[in-house]
Amino acid sequence: MTTKGFANYSASMDADLKSLEEKLSQLISLCHSLRSENSALRQELAQAQSDSKKLRDNMALVSNRLEAVIDRLPEEPV
């Protein structure tokens, strides 16, 4: 290989390595961003599940109270 041929190969390899480095940097940045988003979504999901449980519990309580009130109503004459 000549010195000139080696220089072209080296420049081409440097360009490829630079491109790979940029792509890896973008991938790492995207991974960090997705991890942050995933963490936030997990917190939102946990809060939504907690809220849903509270609402189900309240609905069950209200349903039981309503049934108790209905049971105390006098029956209609036939």
PDB file of N, CA and C in Angstrom:
ATOM      1  N   MET A   1       0.841  -1.170   0.000  1.00  0.00           N
ATOM      2  CA  MET A   1       0.000   0.000   0.000  1.00  0.00           C
ATOM      3  C   MET A   1       0.889   1.237   0.000  1.00  0.00           C
ATOM      4  N   THR A   2       0.507   2.221  -0.740  1.00  0.00           N
ATOM      5  CA  THR A   2       1.290   3.448  -0.782  1.00  0.00           C
ATOM      6  C   THR A   2       0.840   4.367   0.340  1.00  0.00           C
ATOM      7  N   THR A   3       1.666   5.368   0.596  1.00  0.00           N
ATOM      8  CA  THR A   3       1.334   6.329   1.637  1.00  0.00           C
ATOM      9  C   THR A   3       0.051   7.069   1.277  1.00  0.00           C
ATOM     10  N   LYS A   4      -0.085   7.402  -0.012  1.00  0.00           N
ATOM     11  CA  LYS A   4      -1.277   8.113  -0.452  1.00  0.00           C
ATOM     12  C   LYS A   4      -2.513   7.226  -0.271  1.00  0.00           C
ATOM     13  N   GLY A   5      -2.427   5.953  -0.647  1.00  0.00           N
ATOM     14  CA  GLY A   5      -3.536   5.020  -0.485  1.00  0.00           C
ATOM     15  C   GLY A   5      -3.899   4.834   0.983  1.00  0.00           C
ATOM     16  N   PHE A   6      -2.900   4.795   1.859  1.00  0.00           N
ATOM     17  CA  PHE A   6      -3.130   4.644   3.290  1.00  0.00           C
ATOM     18  C   PHE A   6      -3.832   5.868   3.856  1.00  0.00           C
ATOM     19  N   ALA A   7      -3.458   7.040   3.374  1.00  0.00           N
ATOM     20  CA  ALA A   7      -4.080   8.280   3.841  1.00  0.00           C
ATOM     21  C   ALA A   7      -5.562   8.301   3.479  1.00  0.00           C
ATOM     22  N   ASN A   8      -5.904   7.860   2.287  1.00  0.00           N
ATOM     23  CA  ASN A   8      -7.313   7.813   1.876  1.00  0.00           C
ATOM     24  C   ASN A   8      -8.088   6.806   2.713  1.00  0.00           C
ATOM     25  N   TYR A   9      -7.464   5.659   2.966  1.00  0.00           N
ATOM     26  CA  TYR A   9      -8.097   4.638   3.779  1.00  0.00           C
ATOM     27  C   TYR A   9      -8.313   5.158   5.196  1.00  0.00           C
ATOM     28  N   SER A  10      -7.323   5.817   5.722  1.00  0.00           N
ATOM     29  CA  SER A  10      -7.413   6.354   7.071  1.00  0.00           C
ATOM     30  C   SER A  10      -8.484   7.439   7.165  1.00  0.00           C
ATOM     31  N   ALA A  11      -8.551   8.305   6.183  1.00  0.00           N
ATOM     32  CA  ALA A  11      -9.566   9.365   6.179  1.00  0.00           C
ATOM     33  C   ALA A  11     -10.960   8.763   6.083  1.00  0.00           C
ATOM     34  N   SER A  12     -11.099   7.740   5.249  1.00  0.00           N
ATOM     35  CA  SER A  12     -12.390   7.077   5.102  1.00  0.00           C
ATOM     36  C   SER A  12     -12.777   6.383   6.401  1.00  0.00           C
ATOM     37  N   MET A  13     -11.797   5.740   7.013  1.00  0.00           N
ATOM     38  CA  MET A  13     -12.056   5.057   8.280  1.00  0.00           C
ATOM     39  C   MET A  13     -12.399   6.064   9.368  1.00  0.00           C
ATOM     40  N   ASP A  14     -11.720   7.193   9.398  1.00  0.00           N
ATOM     41  CA  ASP A  14     -12.018   8.240  10.379  1.00  0.00           C
ATOM     42  C   ASP A  14     -13.443   8.755  10.213  1.00  0.00           C
ATOM     43  N   ALA A  15     -13.858   8.938   8.961  1.00  0.00           N
ATOM     44  CA  ALA A  15     -15.215   9.419   8.691  1.00  0.00           C
ATOM     45  C   ALA A  15     -16.242   8.389   9.170  1.00  0.00           C
ATOM     46  N   ASP A  16     -15.967   7.108   8.902  1.00  0.00           N
ATOM     47  CA  ASP A  16     -16.873   6.057   9.344  1.00  0.00           C
ATOM     48  C   ASP A  16     -16.945   5.999  10.872  1.00  0.00           C
ATOM     49  N   LEU A  17     -15.782   6.119  11.508  1.00  0.00           N
ATOM     50  CA  LEU A  17     -15.759   6.096  12.968  1.00  0.00           C
ATOM     51  C   LEU A  17     -16.482   7.306  13.554  1.00  0.00           C
ATOM     52  N   LYS A  18     -16.303   8.454  12.938  1.00  0.00           N
ATOM     53  CA  LYS A  18     -16.990   9.670  13.405  1.00  0.00           C
ATOM     54  C   LYS A  18     -18.500   9.507  13.266  1.00  0.00           C
ATOM     55  N   SER A  19     -18.941   8.948  12.153  1.00  0.00           N
ATOM     56  CA  SER A  19     -20.367   8.716  11.930  1.00  0.00           C
ATOM     57  C   SER A  19     -20.904   7.729  12.962  1.00  0.00           C
ATOM     58  N   LEU A  20     -20.161   6.657  13.208  1.00  0.00           N
ATOM     59  CA  LEU A  20     -20.572   5.666  14.210  1.00  0.00           C
ATOM     60  C   LEU A  20     -20.635   6.294  15.593  1.00  0.00           C
ATOM     61  N   GLU A  21     -19.666   7.132  15.914  1.00  0.00           N
ATOM     62  CA  GLU A  21     -19.641   7.811  17.211  1.00  0.00           C
ATOM     63  C   GLU A  21     -20.873   8.694  17.382  1.00  0.00           C
ATOM     64  N   GLU A  22     -21.236   9.418  16.333  1.00  0.00           N
ATOM     65  CA  GLU A  22     -22.420  10.297  16.396  1.00  0.00           C
ATOM     66  C   GLU A  22     -23.691   9.474  16.580  1.00  0.00           C
ATOM     67  N   LYS A  23     -23.780   8.359  15.858  1.00  0.00           N
ATOM     68  CA  LYS A  23     -24.968   7.505  15.977  1.00  0.00           C
ATOM     69  C   LYS A  23     -25.062   6.895  17.371  1.00  0.00           C
ATOM     70  N   LEU A  24     -23.930   6.468  17.914  1.00  0.00           N
ATOM     71  CA  LEU A  24     -23.936   5.923  19.277  1.00  0.00           C
ATOM     72  C   LEU A  24     -24.332   6.981  20.291  1.00  0.00           C
ATOM     73  N   SER A  25     -23.853   8.184  20.091  1.00  0.00           N
ATOM     74  CA  SER A  25     -24.197   9.285  20.987  1.00  0.00           C
ATOM     75  C   SER A  25     -25.702   9.553  20.946  1.00  0.00           C
ATOM     76  N   GLN A  26     -26.267   9.537  19.742  1.00  0.00           N
ATOM     77  CA  GLN A  26     -27.706   9.741  19.598  1.00  0.00           C
ATOM     78  C   GLN A  26     -28.480   8.600  20.269  1.00  0.00           C
ATOM     79  N   LEU A  27     -27.997   7.373  20.104  1.00  0.00           N
ATOM     80  CA  LEU A  27     -28.655   6.212  20.704  1.00  0.00           C
ATOM     81  C   LEU A  27     -28.616   6.290  22.227  1.00  0.00           C
ATOM     82  N   ILE A  28     -27.478   6.672  22.778  1.00  0.00           N
ATOM     83  CA  ILE A  28     -27.345   6.809  24.231  1.00  0.00           C
ATOM     84  C   ILE A  28     -28.283   7.895  24.748  1.00  0.00           C
ATOM     85  N   SER A  29     -28.344   8.999  24.033  1.00  0.00           N
ATOM     86  CA  SER A  29     -29.240  10.096  24.424  1.00  0.00           C
ATOM     87  C   SER A  29     -30.699   9.633  24.386  1.00  0.00           C
ATOM     88  N   LEU A  30     -31.054   8.904  23.332  1.00  0.00           N
ATOM     89  CA  LEU A  30     -32.418   8.393  23.213  1.00  0.00           C
ATOM     90  C   LEU A  30     -32.735   7.425  24.349  1.00  0.00           C
ATOM     91  N   CYS A  31     -31.781   6.561  24.703  1.00  0.00           N
ATOM     92  CA  CYS A  31     -31.984   5.613  25.810  1.00  0.00           C
ATOM     93  C   CYS A  31     -32.235   6.351  27.124  1.00  0.00           C
ATOM     94  N   HIS A  32     -31.453   7.399  27.383  1.00  0.00           N
ATOM     95  CA  HIS A  32     -31.651   8.185  28.604  1.00  0.00           C
ATOM     96  C   HIS A  32     -33.035   8.836  28.600  1.00  0.00           C
ATOM     97  N   SER A  33     -33.401   9.375  27.460  1.00  0.00           N
ATOM     98  CA  SER A  33     -34.706  10.029  27.349  1.00  0.00           C
ATOM     99  C   SER A  33     -35.838   9.031  27.572  1.00  0.00           C
ATOM    100  N   LEU A  34     -35.712   7.858  26.963  1.00  0.00           N
ATOM    101  CA  LEU A  34     -36.760   6.841  27.109  1.00  0.00           C
ATOM    102  C   LEU A  34     -36.832   6.300  28.539  1.00  0.00           C
ATOM    103  N   ARG A  35     -35.704   6.191  29.198  1.00  0.00           N
ATOM    104  CA  ARG A  35     -35.720   5.744  30.601  1.00  0.00           C
ATOM    105  C   ARG A  35     -36.433   6.755  31.478  1.00  0.00           C
ATOM    106  N   SER A  36     -36.170   8.034  31.239  1.00  0.00           N
ATOM    107  CA  SER A  36     -36.842   9.077  32.019  1.00  0.00           C
ATOM    108  C   SER A  36     -38.345   9.050  31.767  1.00  0.00           C
ATOM    109  N   GLU A  37     -38.704   8.938  30.498  1.00  0.00           N
ATOM    110  CA  GLU A  37     -40.128   8.891  30.144  1.00  0.00           C
ATOM    111  C   GLU A  37     -40.790   7.656  30.746  1.00  0.00           C
ATOM    112  N   ASN A  38     -40.108   6.521  30.685  1.00  0.00           N
ATOM    113  CA  ASN A  38     -40.637   5.282  31.248  1.00  0.00           C
ATOM    114  C   ASN A  38     -40.859   5.418  32.752  1.00  0.00           C
ATOM    115  N   SER A  39     -39.913   6.031  33.429  1.00  0.00           N
ATOM    116  CA  SER A  39     -40.043   6.238  34.873  1.00  0.00           C
ATOM    117  C   SER A  39     -41.252   7.114  35.185  1.00  0.00           C
ATOM    118  N   ALA A  40     -41.410   8.189  34.426  1.00  0.00           N
ATOM    119  CA  ALA A  40     -42.551   9.083  34.635  1.00  0.00           C
ATOM    120  C   ALA A  40     -43.863   8.350  34.365  1.00  0.00           C
ATOM    121  N   LEU A  41     -43.890   7.534  33.315  1.00  0.00           N
ATOM    122  CA  LEU A  41     -45.110   6.787  32.994  1.00  0.00           C
ATOM    123  C   LEU A  41     -45.427   5.752  34.066  1.00  0.00           C
ATOM    124  N   ARG A  42     -44.402   5.137  34.640  1.00  0.00           N
ATOM    125  CA  ARG A  42     -44.633   4.177  35.726  1.00  0.00           C
ATOM    126  C   ARG A  42     -45.250   4.877  36.933  1.00  0.00           C
ATOM    127  N   GLN A  43     -44.764   6.077  37.237  1.00  0.00           N
ATOM    128  CA  GLN A  43     -45.325   6.834  38.365  1.00  0.00           C
ATOM    129  C   GLN A  43     -46.775   7.219  38.078  1.00  0.00           C
ATOM    130  N   GLU A  44     -47.043   7.661  36.842  1.00  0.00           N
ATOM    131  CA  GLU A  44     -48.417   8.019  36.474  1.00  0.00           C
ATOM    132  C   GLU A  44     -49.334   6.805  36.563  1.00  0.00           C
ATOM    133  N   LEU A  45     -48.848   5.660  36.105  1.00  0.00           N
ATOM    134  CA  LEU A  45     -49.649   4.437  36.161  1.00  0.00           C
ATOM    135  C   LEU A  45     -49.943   4.051  37.604  1.00  0.00           C
ATOM    136  N   ALA A  46     -48.947   4.115  38.458  1.00  0.00           N
ATOM    137  CA  ALA A  46     -49.148   3.776  39.868  1.00  0.00           C
ATOM    138  C   ALA A  46     -50.189   4.709  40.493  1.00  0.00           C
ATOM    139  N   GLN A  47     -50.119   5.991  40.176  1.00  0.00           N
ATOM    140  CA  GLN A  47     -51.094   6.946  40.708  1.00  0.00           C
ATOM    141  C   GLN A  47     -52.488   6.650  40.165  1.00  0.00           C
ATOM    142  N   ALA A  48     -52.580   6.354  38.873  1.00  0.00           N
ATOM    143  CA  ALA A  48     -53.877   6.046  38.266  1.00  0.00           C
ATOM    144  C   ALA A  48     -54.473   4.779  38.873  1.00  0.00           C
ATOM    145  N   GLN A  49     -53.628   3.771  39.127  1.00  0.00           N
ATOM    146  CA  GLN A  49     -54.118   2.541  39.743  1.00  0.00           C
ATOM    147  C   GLN A  49     -54.606   2.801  41.176  1.00  0.00           C
ATOM    148  N   SER A  50     -53.884   3.647  41.894  1.00  0.00           N
ATOM    149  CA  SER A  50     -54.292   4.001  43.245  1.00  0.00           C
ATOM    150  C   SER A  50     -55.625   4.746  43.229  1.00  0.00           C
ATOM    151  N   ASP A  51     -55.760   5.697  42.324  1.00  0.00           N
ATOM    152  CA  ASP A  51     -57.008   6.454  42.196  1.00  0.00           C
ATOM    153  C   ASP A  51     -58.164   5.529  41.828  1.00  0.00           C
ATOM    154  N   SER A  52     -57.898   4.599  40.924  1.00  0.00           N
ATOM    155  CA  SER A  52     -58.932   3.655  40.488  1.00  0.00           C
ATOM    156  C   SER A  52     -59.390   2.786  41.657  1.00  0.00           C
ATOM    157  N   LYS A  53     -58.460   2.323  42.473  1.00  0.00           N
ATOM    158  CA  LYS A  53     -58.812   1.504  43.633  1.00  0.00           C
ATOM    159  C   LYS A  53     -59.668   2.301  44.612  1.00  0.00           C
ATOM    160  N   LYS A  54     -59.291   3.557  44.846  1.00  0.00           N
ATOM    161  CA  LYS A  54     -60.084   4.402  45.754  1.00  0.00           C
ATOM    162  C   LYS A  54     -61.501   4.569  45.221  1.00  0.00           C
ATOM    163  N   LEU A  55     -61.628   4.791  43.910  1.00  0.00           N
ATOM    164  CA  LEU A  55     -62.956   4.956  43.320  1.00  0.00           C
ATOM    165  C   LEU A  55     -63.777   3.669  43.424  1.00  0.00           C
ATOM    166  N   ARG A  56     -63.145   2.509  43.170  1.00  0.00           N
ATOM    167  CA  ARG A  56     -63.859   1.232  43.315  1.00  0.00           C
ATOM    168  C   ARG A  56     -64.314   1.024  44.751  1.00  0.00           C
ATOM    169  N   ASP A  57     -63.434   1.345  45.701  1.00  0.00           N
ATOM    170  CA  ASP A  57     -63.792   1.202  47.116  1.00  0.00           C
ATOM    171  C   ASP A  57     -64.956   2.113  47.475  1.00  0.00           C
ATOM    172  N   ASN A  58     -64.913   3.357  46.989  1.00  0.00           N
ATOM    173  CA  ASN A  58     -66.005   4.301  47.263  1.00  0.00           C
ATOM    174  C   ASN A  58     -67.311   3.827  46.632  1.00  0.00           C
ATOM    175  N   MET A  59     -67.234   3.287  45.416  1.00  0.00           N
ATOM    176  CA  MET A  59     -68.439   2.784  44.752  1.00  0.00           C
ATOM    177  C   MET A  59     -69.042   1.615  45.526  1.00  0.00           C
ATOM    178  N   ALA A  60     -68.182   0.741  46.036  1.00  0.00           N
ATOM    179  CA  ALA A  60     -68.675  -0.394  46.820  1.00  0.00           C
ATOM    180  C   ALA A  60     -69.339   0.101  48.100  1.00  0.00           C
ATOM    181  N   LEU A  61     -68.756   1.080  48.748  1.00  0.00           N
ATOM    182  CA  LEU A  61     -69.320   1.643  49.968  1.00  0.00           C
ATOM    183  C   LEU A  61     -70.677   2.282  49.695  1.00  0.00           C
ATOM    184  N   VAL A  62     -70.749   3.073  48.642  1.00  0.00           N
ATOM    185  CA  VAL A  62     -72.010   3.730  48.285  1.00  0.00           C
ATOM    186  C   VAL A  62     -73.059   2.694  47.911  1.00  0.00           C
ATOM    187  N   SER A  63     -72.656   1.667  47.190  1.00  0.00           N
ATOM    188  CA  SER A  63     -73.590   0.602  46.808  1.00  0.00           C
ATOM    189  C   SER A  63     -74.154  -0.093  48.042  1.00  0.00           C
ATOM    190  N   ASN A  64     -73.305  -0.389  48.990  1.00  0.00           N
ATOM    191  CA  ASN A  64     -73.770  -1.028  50.230  1.00  0.00           C
ATOM    192  C   ASN A  64     -74.720  -0.115  50.997  1.00  0.00           C
ATOM    193  N   ARG A  65     -74.407   1.159  51.064  1.00  0.00           N
ATOM    194  CA  ARG A  65     -75.286   2.108  51.764  1.00  0.00           C
ATOM    195  C   ARG A  65     -76.636   2.212  51.065  1.00  0.00           C
ATOM    196  N   LEU A  66     -76.592   2.251  49.738  1.00  0.00           N
ATOM    197  CA  LEU A  66     -77.825   2.357  48.967  1.00  0.00           C
ATOM    198  C   LEU A  66     -78.696   1.115  49.162  1.00  0.00           C
ATOM    199  N   GLU A  67     -78.083  -0.047  49.170  1.00  0.00           N
ATOM    200  CA  GLU A  67     -78.827  -1.280  49.414  1.00  0.00           C
ATOM    201  C   GLU A  67     -79.447  -1.262  50.811  1.00  0.00           C
ATOM    202  N   ALA A  68     -78.729  -0.743  51.799  1.00  0.00           N
ATOM    203  CA  ALA A  68     -79.259  -0.660  53.156  1.00  0.00           C
ATOM    204  C   ALA A  68     -80.474   0.265  53.202  1.00  0.00           C
ATOM    205  N   VAL A  69     -80.404   1.389  52.493  1.00  0.00           N
ATOM    206  CA  VAL A  69     -81.538   2.318  52.445  1.00  0.00           C
ATOM    207  C   VAL A  69     -82.728   1.663  51.755  1.00  0.00           C
ATOM    208  N   ILE A  70     -82.483   0.980  50.656  1.00  0.00           N
ATOM    209  CA  ILE A  70     -83.565   0.308  49.926  1.00  0.00           C
ATOM    210  C   ILE A  70     -84.217  -0.759  50.792  1.00  0.00           C
ATOM    211  N   ASP A  71     -83.403  -1.490  51.553  1.00  0.00           N
ATOM    212  CA  ASP A  71     -83.946  -2.532  52.429  1.00  0.00           C
ATOM    213  C   ASP A  71     -84.849  -1.948  53.519  1.00  0.00           C
ATOM    214  N   ARG A  72     -84.609  -0.685  53.905  1.00  0.00           N
ATOM    215  CA  ARG A  72     -85.448  -0.064  54.945  1.00  0.00           C
ATOM    216  C   ARG A  72     -86.713   0.555  54.408  1.00  0.00           C
ATOM    217  N   LEU A  73     -86.869   0.661  53.104  1.00  0.00           N
ATOM    218  CA  LEU A  73     -88.085   1.239  52.530  1.00  0.00           C
ATOM    219  C   LEU A  73     -89.271   0.305  52.766  1.00  0.00           C
ATOM    220  N   PRO A  74     -90.403   0.884  53.059  1.00  0.00           N
ATOM    221  CA  PRO A  74     -91.576   0.005  53.249  1.00  0.00           C
ATOM    222  C   PRO A  74     -91.998  -0.593  51.908  1.00  0.00           C
ATOM    223  N   GLU A  75     -92.529  -1.786  51.993  1.00  0.00           N
ATOM    224  CA  GLU A  75     -93.011  -2.439  50.781  1.00  0.00           C
ATOM    225  C   GLU A  75     -94.345  -1.830  50.360  1.00  0.00           C
ATOM    226  N   GLU A  76     -94.542  -1.806  49.038  1.00  0.00           N
ATOM    227  CA  GLU A  76     -95.790  -1.259  48.517  1.00  0.00           C
ATOM    228  C   GLU A  76     -96.898  -2.305  48.653  1.00  0.00           C
ATOM    229  N   PRO A  77     -98.067  -1.851  49.006  1.00  0.00           N
ATOM    230  CA  PRO A  77     -99.173  -2.804  49.075  1.00  0.00           C
ATOM    231  C   PRO A  77     -99.548  -3.291  47.679  1.00  0.00           C
ATOM    232  N   VAL A  78     -99.972  -4.511  47.622  1.00  0.00           N
ATOM    233  CA  VAL A  78    -100.298  -5.115  46.334  1.00  0.00           C
ATOM    234  C   VAL A  78    -101.670  -4.763  45.873  1.00  0.00           C
TER     235      VAL A  78
END
